[in-house]
Amino acid sequence: RVAPIDKMSVALTIILAFVILGEKASVQVLIGGGLIVAGSLVML
């Protein structure tokens, strides 16, 4: 239960990479990040 929630850091990193580093958002990255968040929320 702990590990999947901790891995929500991946989605947070994606957001911060867009905002701070100016990386481009692709459809695959947005969908993947959304699935990680959804999976982490299920684990809560």
All heavy atoms as atom14 arrays in JSON, in Angstrom:
{
  "sequence": "RVAPIDKMSVALTIILAFVILGEKASVQVLIGGGLIVAGSLVML",
  "atom14_mask": [
    [1, 1, 1, 1, 1, 1, 1, 1, 1, 1, 1, 0, 0, 0],
    [1, 1, 1, 1, 1, 1, 1, 0, 0, 0, 0, 0, 0, 0],
    [1, 1, 1, 1, 1, 0, 0, 0, 0, 0, 0, 0, 0, 0],
    [1, 1, 1, 1, 1, 1, 1, 0, 0, 0, 0, 0, 0, 0],
    [1, 1, 1, 1, 1, 1, 1, 1, 0, 0, 0, 0, 0, 0],
    [1, 1, 1, 1, 1, 1, 1, 1, 0, 0, 0, 0, 0, 0],
    [1, 1, 1, 1, 1, 1, 1, 1, 1, 0, 0, 0, 0, 0],
    [1, 1, 1, 1, 1, 1, 1, 1, 0, 0, 0, 0, 0, 0],
    [1, 1, 1, 1, 1, 1, 0, 0, 0, 0, 0, 0, 0, 0],
    [1, 1, 1, 1, 1, 1, 1, 0, 0, 0, 0, 0, 0, 0],
    [1, 1, 1, 1, 1, 0, 0, 0, 0, 0, 0, 0, 0, 0],
    [1, 1, 1, 1, 1, 1, 1, 1, 0, 0, 0, 0, 0, 0],
    [1, 1, 1, 1, 1, 1, 1, 0, 0, 0, 0, 0, 0, 0],
    [1, 1, 1, 1, 1, 1, 1, 1, 0, 0, 0, 0, 0, 0],
    [1, 1, 1, 1, 1, 1, 1, 1, 0, 0, 0, 0, 0, 0],
    [1, 1, 1, 1, 1, 1, 1, 1, 0, 0, 0, 0, 0, 0],
    [1, 1, 1, 1, 1, 0, 0, 0, 0, 0, 0, 0, 0, 0],
    [1, 1, 1, 1, 1, 1, 1, 1, 1, 1, 1, 0, 0, 0],
    [1, 1, 1, 1, 1, 1, 1, 0, 0, 0, 0, 0, 0, 0],
    [1, 1, 1, 1, 1, 1, 1, 1, 0, 0, 0, 0, 0, 0],
    [1, 1, 1, 1, 1, 1, 1, 1, 0, 0, 0, 0, 0, 0],
    [1, 1, 1, 1, 0, 0, 0, 0, 0, 0, 0, 0, 0, 0],
    [1, 1, 1, 1, 1, 1, 1, 1, 1, 0, 0, 0, 0, 0],
    [1, 1, 1, 1, 1, 1, 1, 1, 1, 0, 0, 0, 0, 0],
    [1, 1, 1, 1, 1, 0, 0, 0, 0, 0, 0, 0, 0, 0],
    [1, 1, 1, 1, 1, 1, 0, 0, 0, 0, 0, 0, 0, 0],
    [1, 1, 1, 1, 1, 1, 1, 0, 0, 0, 0, 0, 0, 0],
    [1, 1, 1, 1, 1, 1, 1, 1, 1, 0, 0, 0, 0, 0],
    [1, 1, 1, 1, 1, 1, 1, 0, 0, 0, 0, 0, 0, 0],
    [1, 1, 1, 1, 1, 1, 1, 1, 0, 0, 0, 0, 0, 0],
    [1, 1, 1, 1, 1, 1, 1, 1, 0, 0, 0, 0, 0, 0],
    [1, 1, 1, 1, 0, 0, 0, 0, 0, 0, 0, 0, 0, 0],
    [1, 1, 1, 1, 0, 0, 0, 0, 0, 0, 0, 0, 0, 0],
    [1, 1, 1, 1, 0, 0, 0, 0, 0, 0, 0, 0, 0, 0],
    [1, 1, 1, 1, 1, 1, 1, 1, 0, 0, 0, 0, 0, 0],
    [1, 1, 1, 1, 1, 1, 1, 1, 0, 0, 0, 0, 0, 0],
    [1, 1, 1, 1, 1, 1, 1, 0, 0, 0, 0, 0, 0, 0],
    [1, 1, 1, 1, 1, 0, 0, 0, 0, 0, 0, 0, 0, 0],
    [1, 1, 1, 1, 0, 0, 0, 0, 0, 0, 0, 0, 0, 0],
    [1, 1, 1, 1, 1, 1, 0, 0, 0, 0, 0, 0, 0, 0],
    [1, 1, 1, 1, 1, 1, 1, 1, 0, 0, 0, 0, 0, 0],
    [1, 1, 1, 1, 1, 1, 1, 0, 0, 0, 0, 0, 0, 0],
    [1, 1, 1, 1, 1, 1, 1, 1, 0, 0, 0, 0, 0, 0],
    [1, 1, 1, 1, 1, 1, 1, 1, 0, 0, 0, 0, 0, 0]
  ],
  "atom14_positions": [
    [[0.83, -1.21, 0.0], [0.0, 0.0, 0.0], [0.86, 1.26, 0.0], [0.49, 2.26, -0.59], [-0.93, 0.01, 1.22], [-1.97, -1.11, 1.11], [-3.1, -0.96, 2.07], [-3.93, 0.16, 1.66], [-4.57, 0.95, 2.53], [-4.47, 0.74, 3.81], [-5.32, 1.94, 2.1], [0.0, 0.0, 0.0], [0.0, 0.0, 0.0], [0.0, 0.0, 0.0]],
    [[2.0, 1.21, 0.68], [2.86, 2.38, 0.78], [3.55, 2.69, -0.56], [3.55, 3.83, -1.01], [3.92, 2.19, 1.89], [4.94, 3.32, 1.87], [3.26, 2.09, 3.26], [0.0, 0.0, 0.0], [0.0, 0.0, 0.0], [0.0, 0.0, 0.0], [0.0, 0.0, 0.0], [0.0, 0.0, 0.0], [0.0, 0.0, 0.0], [0.0, 0.0, 0.0]],
    [[4.11, 1.68, -1.18], [4.9, 1.9, -2.4], [4.11, 2.57, -3.53], [4.61, 3.52, -4.13], [5.52, 0.58, -2.88], [0.0, 0.0, 0.0], [0.0, 0.0, 0.0], [0.0, 0.0, 0.0], [0.0, 0.0, 0.0], [0.0, 0.0, 0.0], [0.0, 0.0, 0.0], [0.0, 0.0, 0.0], [0.0, 0.0, 0.0], [0.0, 0.0, 0.0]],
    [[2.89, 2.13, -3.83], [2.16, 2.79, -4.91], [1.85, 4.26, -4.61], [1.88, 5.1, -5.52], [0.87, 1.98, -5.04], [1.19, 0.65, -4.47], [2.17, 0.92, -3.37], [0.0, 0.0, 0.0], [0.0, 0.0, 0.0], [0.0, 0.0, 0.0], [0.0, 0.0, 0.0], [0.0, 0.0, 0.0], [0.0, 0.0, 0.0], [0.0, 0.0, 0.0]],
    [[1.57, 4.56, -3.37], [1.29, 5.96, -3.01], [2.57, 6.78, -3.14], [2.57, 7.89, -3.67], [0.68, 6.06, -1.6], [-0.7, 5.39, -1.6], [0.59, 7.51, -1.15], [-1.27, 5.16, -0.22], [0.0, 0.0, 0.0], [0.0, 0.0, 0.0], [0.0, 0.0, 0.0], [0.0, 0.0, 0.0], [0.0, 0.0, 0.0], [0.0, 0.0, 0.0]],
    [[3.69, 6.21, -2.68], [4.99, 6.88, -2.83], [5.28, 7.14, -4.31], [5.83, 8.19, -4.65], [6.09, 6.01, -2.22], [7.46, 6.55, -2.5], [7.8, 7.62, -1.95], [8.2, 5.93, -3.29], [0.0, 0.0, 0.0], [0.0, 0.0, 0.0], [0.0, 0.0, 0.0], [0.0, 0.0, 0.0], [0.0, 0.0, 0.0], [0.0, 0.0, 0.0]],
    [[4.88, 6.25, -5.16], [5.15, 6.41, -6.59], [4.29, 7.49, -7.23], [4.47, 7.81, -8.41], [4.99, 5.08, -7.34], [6.0, 4.04, -6.91], [7.41, 4.57, -6.9], [8.39, 3.58, -6.32], [9.47, 4.19, -5.58], [0.0, 0.0, 0.0], [0.0, 0.0, 0.0], [0.0, 0.0, 0.0], [0.0, 0.0, 0.0], [0.0, 0.0, 0.0]],
    [[3.36, 8.06, -6.47], [2.64, 9.22, -6.98], [3.64, 10.36, -7.23], [3.34, 11.3, -7.96], [1.53, 9.67, -6.03], [0.55, 10.57, -6.76], [-0.86, 11.2, -5.85], [-1.5, 9.83, -4.97], [0.0, 0.0, 0.0], [0.0, 0.0, 0.0], [0.0, 0.0, 0.0], [0.0, 0.0, 0.0], [0.0, 0.0, 0.0], [0.0, 0.0, 0.0]],
    [[4.83, 10.21, -6.67], [5.89, 11.19, -6.94], [6.18, 11.28, -8.44], [6.6, 12.33, -8.93], [7.16, 10.83, -6.18], [7.69, 9.6, -6.66], [0.0, 0.0, 0.0], [0.0, 0.0, 0.0], [0.0, 0.0, 0.0], [0.0, 0.0, 0.0], [0.0, 0.0, 0.0], [0.0, 0.0, 0.0], [0.0, 0.0, 0.0], [0.0, 0.0, 0.0]],
    [[5.94, 10.2, -9.16], [6.14, 10.23, -10.62], [5.23, 11.27, -11.26], [5.67, 12.09, -12.07], [5.9, 8.83, -11.24], [5.97, 8.89, -12.75], [6.9, 7.82, -10.69], [0.0, 0.0, 0.0], [0.0, 0.0, 0.0], [0.0, 0.0, 0.0], [0.0, 0.0, 0.0], [0.0, 0.0, 0.0], [0.0, 0.0, 0.0], [0.0, 0.0, 0.0]],
    [[3.95, 11.24, -10.87], [2.99, 12.22, -11.42], [3.35, 13.64, -10.99], [3.28, 14.57, -11.79], [1.58, 11.86, -10.99], [0.0, 0.0, 0.0], [0.0, 0.0, 0.0], [0.0, 0.0, 0.0], [0.0, 0.0, 0.0], [0.0, 0.0, 0.0], [0.0, 0.0, 0.0], [0.0, 0.0, 0.0], [0.0, 0.0, 0.0], [0.0, 0.0, 0.0]],
    [[3.76, 13.79, -9.74], [4.17, 15.12, -9.26], [5.41, 15.6, -10.01], [5.52, 16.79, -10.35], [4.42, 15.09, -7.75], [3.21, 14.8, -6.88], [3.63, 14.61, -5.42], [2.17, 15.9, -7.0], [0.0, 0.0, 0.0], [0.0, 0.0, 0.0], [0.0, 0.0, 0.0], [0.0, 0.0, 0.0], [0.0, 0.0, 0.0], [0.0, 0.0, 0.0]],
    [[6.32, 14.69, -10.29], [7.52, 15.05, -11.05], [7.15, 15.5, -12.46], [7.73, 16.47, -12.98], [8.49, 13.85, -11.12], [8.86, 13.49, -9.79], [9.73, 14.19, -11.93], [0.0, 0.0, 0.0], [0.0, 0.0, 0.0], [0.0, 0.0, 0.0], [0.0, 0.0, 0.0], [0.0, 0.0, 0.0], [0.0, 0.0, 0.0], [0.0, 0.0, 0.0]],
    [[6.2, 14.83, -13.08], [5.75, 15.22, -14.41], [5.22, 16.65, -14.39], [5.59, 17.48, -15.23], [4.67, 14.24, -14.93], [5.29, 12.87, -15.21], [3.98, 14.79, -16.18], [4.28, 11.75, -15.44], [0.0, 0.0, 0.0], [0.0, 0.0, 0.0], [0.0, 0.0, 0.0], [0.0, 0.0, 0.0], [0.0, 0.0, 0.0], [0.0, 0.0, 0.0]],
    [[4.39, 16.97, -13.41], [3.84, 18.33, -13.28], [4.96, 19.34, -13.08], [5.01, 20.38, -13.75], [2.81, 18.4, -12.14], [1.58, 17.56, -12.48], [2.42, 19.84, -11.84], [0.65, 17.3, -11.31], [0.0, 0.0, 0.0], [0.0, 0.0, 0.0], [0.0, 0.0, 0.0], [0.0, 0.0, 0.0], [0.0, 0.0, 0.0], [0.0, 0.0, 0.0]],
    [[5.87, 19.04, -12.15], [6.98, 19.97, -11.87], [7.91, 20.11, -13.07], [8.45, 21.19, -13.31], [7.75, 19.51, -10.63], [6.99, 19.6, -9.31], [7.82, 19.02, -8.17], [6.58, 21.04, -9.0], [0.0, 0.0, 0.0], [0.0, 0.0, 0.0], [0.0, 0.0, 0.0], [0.0, 0.0, 0.0], [0.0, 0.0, 0.0], [0.0, 0.0, 0.0]],
    [[8.08, 19.04, -13.84], [8.92, 19.12, -15.04], [8.31, 20.07, -16.06], [9.03, 20.81, -16.74], [9.12, 17.74, -15.65], [0.0, 0.0, 0.0], [0.0, 0.0, 0.0], [0.0, 0.0, 0.0], [0.0, 0.0, 0.0], [0.0, 0.0, 0.0], [0.0, 0.0, 0.0], [0.0, 0.0, 0.0], [0.0, 0.0, 0.0], [0.0, 0.0, 0.0]],
    [[6.97, 20.08, -16.16], [6.3, 21.0, -17.07], [6.44, 22.43, -16.55], [6.81, 23.33, -17.3], [4.8, 20.67, -17.19], [4.5, 19.32, -17.78], [3.32, 18.68, -17.46], [5.37, 18.7, -18.65], [3.01, 17.44, -18.0], [5.08, 17.45, -19.2], [3.89, 16.83, -18.87], [0.0, 0.0, 0.0], [0.0, 0.0, 0.0], [0.0, 0.0, 0.0]],
    [[6.16, 22.63, -15.27], [6.1, 23.97, -14.7], [7.5, 24.58, -14.52], [7.74, 25.72, -14.92], [5.35, 23.95, -13.34], [5.41, 25.3, -12.64], [3.9, 23.52, -13.54], [0.0, 0.0, 0.0], [0.0, 0.0, 0.0], [0.0, 0.0, 0.0], [0.0, 0.0, 0.0], [0.0, 0.0, 0.0], [0.0, 0.0, 0.0], [0.0, 0.0, 0.0]],
    [[8.41, 23.83, -13.93], [9.72, 24.39, -13.57], [10.75, 24.23, -14.7], [11.49, 25.16, -15.01], [10.25, 23.75, -12.27], [9.31, 24.1, -11.1], [11.68, 24.2, -11.97], [9.62, 23.38, -9.81], [0.0, 0.0, 0.0], [0.0, 0.0, 0.0], [0.0, 0.0, 0.0], [0.0, 0.0, 0.0], [0.0, 0.0, 0.0], [0.0, 0.0, 0.0]],
    [[10.78, 23.05, -15.31], [11.79, 22.78, -16.33], [11.34, 23.13, -17.74], [12.14, 23.11, -18.67], [12.22, 21.3, -16.28], [12.79, 20.81, -14.95], [13.1, 19.33, -15.03], [14.03, 21.62, -14.56], [0.0, 0.0, 0.0], [0.0, 0.0, 0.0], [0.0, 0.0, 0.0], [0.0, 0.0, 0.0], [0.0, 0.0, 0.0], [0.0, 0.0, 0.0]],
    [[10.05, 23.42, -17.91], [9.54, 23.77, -19.22], [9.46, 22.62, -20.2], [9.46, 22.83, -21.41], [0.0, 0.0, 0.0], [0.0, 0.0, 0.0], [0.0, 0.0, 0.0], [0.0, 0.0, 0.0], [0.0, 0.0, 0.0], [0.0, 0.0, 0.0], [0.0, 0.0, 0.0], [0.0, 0.0, 0.0], [0.0, 0.0, 0.0], [0.0, 0.0, 0.0]],
    [[9.39, 21.38, -19.68], [9.28, 20.23, -20.57], [7.92, 20.21, -21.24], [6.95, 20.74, -20.72], [9.53, 18.93, -19.79], [10.96, 18.83, -19.3], [11.27, 17.52, -18.59], [10.39, 16.62, -18.54], [12.4, 17.39, -18.08], [0.0, 0.0, 0.0], [0.0, 0.0, 0.0], [0.0, 0.0, 0.0], [0.0, 0.0, 0.0], [0.0, 0.0, 0.0]],
    [[7.84, 19.6, -22.4], [6.61, 19.55, -23.18], [5.73, 18.4, -22.69], [6.22, 17.32, -22.37], [6.9, 19.36, -24.66], [7.78, 20.45, -25.24], [7.02, 21.76, -25.34], [7.89, 22.81, -25.99], [7.83, 24.08, -25.37], [0.0, 0.0, 0.0], [0.0, 0.0, 0.0], [0.0, 0.0, 0.0], [0.0, 0.0, 0.0], [0.0, 0.0, 0.0]],
    [[4.42, 18.64, -22.67], [3.45, 17.62, -22.27], [2.99, 16.85, -23.5], [2.44, 17.44, -24.41], [2.26, 18.28, -21.58], [0.0, 0.0, 0.0], [0.0, 0.0, 0.0], [0.0, 0.0, 0.0], [0.0, 0.0, 0.0], [0.0, 0.0, 0.0], [0.0, 0.0, 0.0], [0.0, 0.0, 0.0], [0.0, 0.0, 0.0], [0.0, 0.0, 0.0]],
    [[3.23, 15.56, -23.51], [2.71, 14.72, -24.6], [1.46, 14.0, -24.1], [1.24, 13.88, -22.89], [3.76, 13.7, -25.05], [3.95, 12.72, -24.04], [0.0, 0.0, 0.0], [0.0, 0.0, 0.0], [0.0, 0.0, 0.0], [0.0, 0.0, 0.0], [0.0, 0.0, 0.0], [0.0, 0.0, 0.0], [0.0, 0.0, 0.0], [0.0, 0.0, 0.0]],
    [[0.68, 13.51, -25.01], [-0.54, 12.78, -24.65], [-0.18, 11.54, -23.83], [-0.83, 11.25, -22.81], [-1.33, 12.38, -25.92], [-2.49, 11.46, -25.58], [-1.83, 13.63, -26.65], [0.0, 0.0, 0.0], [0.0, 0.0, 0.0], [0.0, 0.0, 0.0], [0.0, 0.0, 0.0], [0.0, 0.0, 0.0], [0.0, 0.0, 0.0], [0.0, 0.0, 0.0]],
    [[0.87, 10.83, -24.23], [1.27, 9.63, -23.51], [1.67, 9.95, -22.07], [1.29, 9.24, -21.14], [2.45, 8.93, -24.2], [2.12, 8.34, -25.54], [2.37, 9.33, -26.69], [2.47, 10.54, -26.49], [2.44, 8.8, -27.89], [0.0, 0.0, 0.0], [0.0, 0.0, 0.0], [0.0, 0.0, 0.0], [0.0, 0.0, 0.0], [0.0, 0.0, 0.0]],
    [[2.42, 11.02, -21.87], [2.87, 11.4, -20.53], [1.67, 11.8, -19.67], [1.56, 11.42, -18.51], [3.92, 12.53, -20.6], [4.19, 13.12, -19.22], [5.21, 12.02, -21.21], [0.0, 0.0, 0.0], [0.0, 0.0, 0.0], [0.0, 0.0, 0.0], [0.0, 0.0, 0.0], [0.0, 0.0, 0.0], [0.0, 0.0, 0.0], [0.0, 0.0, 0.0]],
    [[0.75, 12.56, -20.24], [-0.43, 12.99, -19.48], [-1.32, 11.81, -19.1], [-1.8, 11.71, -17.96], [-1.22, 14.03, -20.27], [-0.51, 15.38, -20.47], [-1.32, 16.28, -21.38], [-0.24, 16.05, -19.14], [0.0, 0.0, 0.0], [0.0, 0.0, 0.0], [0.0, 0.0, 0.0], [0.0, 0.0, 0.0], [0.0, 0.0, 0.0], [0.0, 0.0, 0.0]],
    [[-1.54, 10.89, -20.04], [-2.35, 9.71, -19.74], [-1.65, 8.83, -18.7], [-2.26, 8.39, -17.73], [-2.65, 8.91, -21.02], [-3.61, 9.7, -21.93], [-3.25, 7.54, -20.69], [-3.8, 9.09, -23.3], [0.0, 0.0, 0.0], [0.0, 0.0, 0.0], [0.0, 0.0, 0.0], [0.0, 0.0, 0.0], [0.0, 0.0, 0.0], [0.0, 0.0, 0.0]],
    [[-0.38, 8.6, -18.9], [0.39, 7.78, -17.95], [0.39, 8.39, -16.55], [0.18, 7.69, -15.56], [0.0, 0.0, 0.0], [0.0, 0.0, 0.0], [0.0, 0.0, 0.0], [0.0, 0.0, 0.0], [0.0, 0.0, 0.0], [0.0, 0.0, 0.0], [0.0, 0.0, 0.0], [0.0, 0.0, 0.0], [0.0, 0.0, 0.0], [0.0, 0.0, 0.0]],
    [[0.61, 9.69, -16.48], [0.59, 10.37, -15.18], [-0.78, 10.28, -14.52], [-0.9, 10.05, -13.32], [0.0, 0.0, 0.0], [0.0, 0.0, 0.0], [0.0, 0.0, 0.0], [0.0, 0.0, 0.0], [0.0, 0.0, 0.0], [0.0, 0.0, 0.0], [0.0, 0.0, 0.0], [0.0, 0.0, 0.0], [0.0, 0.0, 0.0], [0.0, 0.0, 0.0]],
    [[-1.83, 10.44, -15.33], [-3.19, 10.32, -14.81], [-3.48, 8.93, -14.27], [-4.13, 8.78, -13.23], [0.0, 0.0, 0.0], [0.0, 0.0, 0.0], [0.0, 0.0, 0.0], [0.0, 0.0, 0.0], [0.0, 0.0, 0.0], [0.0, 0.0, 0.0], [0.0, 0.0, 0.0], [0.0, 0.0, 0.0], [0.0, 0.0, 0.0], [0.0, 0.0, 0.0]],
    [[-2.99, 7.91, -14.97], [-3.19, 6.54, -14.51], [-2.43, 6.27, -13.2], [-2.93, 5.56, -12.32], [-2.76, 5.54, -15.59], [-3.66, 5.49, -16.82], [-3.02, 4.64, -17.92], [-5.04, 4.95, -16.46], [0.0, 0.0, 0.0], [0.0, 0.0, 0.0], [0.0, 0.0, 0.0], [0.0, 0.0, 0.0], [0.0, 0.0, 0.0], [0.0, 0.0, 0.0]],
    [[-1.25, 6.85, -13.08], [-0.49, 6.7, -11.83], [-1.25, 7.33, -10.68], [-1.38, 6.74, -9.6], [0.93, 7.31, -11.97], [1.77, 6.46, -12.92], [1.61, 7.43, -10.61], [3.06, 7.1, -13.35], [0.0, 0.0, 0.0], [0.0, 0.0, 0.0], [0.0, 0.0, 0.0], [0.0, 0.0, 0.0], [0.0, 0.0, 0.0], [0.0, 0.0, 0.0]],
    [[-1.77, 8.52, -10.89], [-2.55, 9.19, -9.85], [-3.79, 8.37, -9.49], [-4.09, 8.14, -8.32], [-2.95, 10.62, -10.27], [-3.96, 11.22, -9.3], [-1.71, 11.51, -10.37], [0.0, 0.0, 0.0], [0.0, 0.0, 0.0], [0.0, 0.0, 0.0], [0.0, 0.0, 0.0], [0.0, 0.0, 0.0], [0.0, 0.0, 0.0], [0.0, 0.0, 0.0]],
    [[-4.5, 7.88, -10.52], [-5.7, 7.08, -10.27], [-5.36, 5.82, -9.48], [-6.05, 5.49, -8.5], [-6.37, 6.72, -11.6], [0.0, 0.0, 0.0], [0.0, 0.0, 0.0], [0.0, 0.0, 0.0], [0.0, 0.0, 0.0], [0.0, 0.0, 0.0], [0.0, 0.0, 0.0], [0.0, 0.0, 0.0], [0.0, 0.0, 0.0], [0.0, 0.0, 0.0]],
    [[-4.3, 5.15, -9.86], [-3.88, 3.95, -9.14], [-3.49, 4.24, -7.7], [-3.82, 3.49, -6.78], [0.0, 0.0, 0.0], [0.0, 0.0, 0.0], [0.0, 0.0, 0.0], [0.0, 0.0, 0.0], [0.0, 0.0, 0.0], [0.0, 0.0, 0.0], [0.0, 0.0, 0.0], [0.0, 0.0, 0.0], [0.0, 0.0, 0.0], [0.0, 0.0, 0.0]],
    [[-2.79, 5.34, -7.5], [-2.38, 5.73, -6.14], [-3.59, 6.05, -5.28], [-3.65, 5.69, -4.11], [-1.43, 6.93, -6.19], [-0.24, 6.58, -6.86], [0.0, 0.0, 0.0], [0.0, 0.0, 0.0], [0.0, 0.0, 0.0], [0.0, 0.0, 0.0], [0.0, 0.0, 0.0], [0.0, 0.0, 0.0], [0.0, 0.0, 0.0], [0.0, 0.0, 0.0]],
    [[-4.57, 6.73, -5.86], [-5.79, 7.07, -5.1], [-6.56, 5.81, -4.73], [-7.11, 5.71, -3.63], [-6.65, 8.04, -5.89], [-6.06, 9.44, -6.08], [-6.95, 10.28, -6.99], [-5.84, 10.13, -4.74], [0.0, 0.0, 0.0], [0.0, 0.0, 0.0], [0.0, 0.0, 0.0], [0.0, 0.0, 0.0], [0.0, 0.0, 0.0], [0.0, 0.0, 0.0]],
    [[-6.6, 4.83, -5.63], [-7.23, 3.55, -5.32], [-6.56, 2.91, -4.12], [-7.21, 2.33, -3.24], [-7.22, 2.61, -6.55], [-7.61, 1.18, -6.16], [-8.13, 3.15, -7.64], [0.0, 0.0, 0.0], [0.0, 0.0, 0.0], [0.0, 0.0, 0.0], [0.0, 0.0, 0.0], [0.0, 0.0, 0.0], [0.0, 0.0, 0.0], [0.0, 0.0, 0.0]],
    [[-5.25, 3.01, -4.04], [-4.48, 2.4, -2.94], [-4.76, 3.08, -1.6], [-4.53, 2.5, -0.55], [-2.99, 2.44, -3.23], [-2.6, 1.68, -4.49], [-3.14, -0.03, -4.51], [-2.03, -0.74, -3.34], [0.0, 0.0, 0.0], [0.0, 0.0, 0.0], [0.0, 0.0, 0.0], [0.0, 0.0, 0.0], [0.0, 0.0, 0.0], [0.0, 0.0, 0.0]],
    [[-5.27, 4.31, -1.62], [-5.58, 5.01, -0.36], [-6.83, 4.43, 0.31], [-6.99, 4.53, 1.51], [-5.8, 6.5, -0.63], [-4.55, 7.32, -0.91], [-4.94, 8.73, -1.35], [-3.64, 7.37, 0.29], [0.0, 0.0, 0.0], [0.0, 0.0, 0.0], [0.0, 0.0, 0.0], [0.0, 0.0, 0.0], [0.0, 0.0, 0.0], [0.0, 0.0, 0.0]]
  ]
}
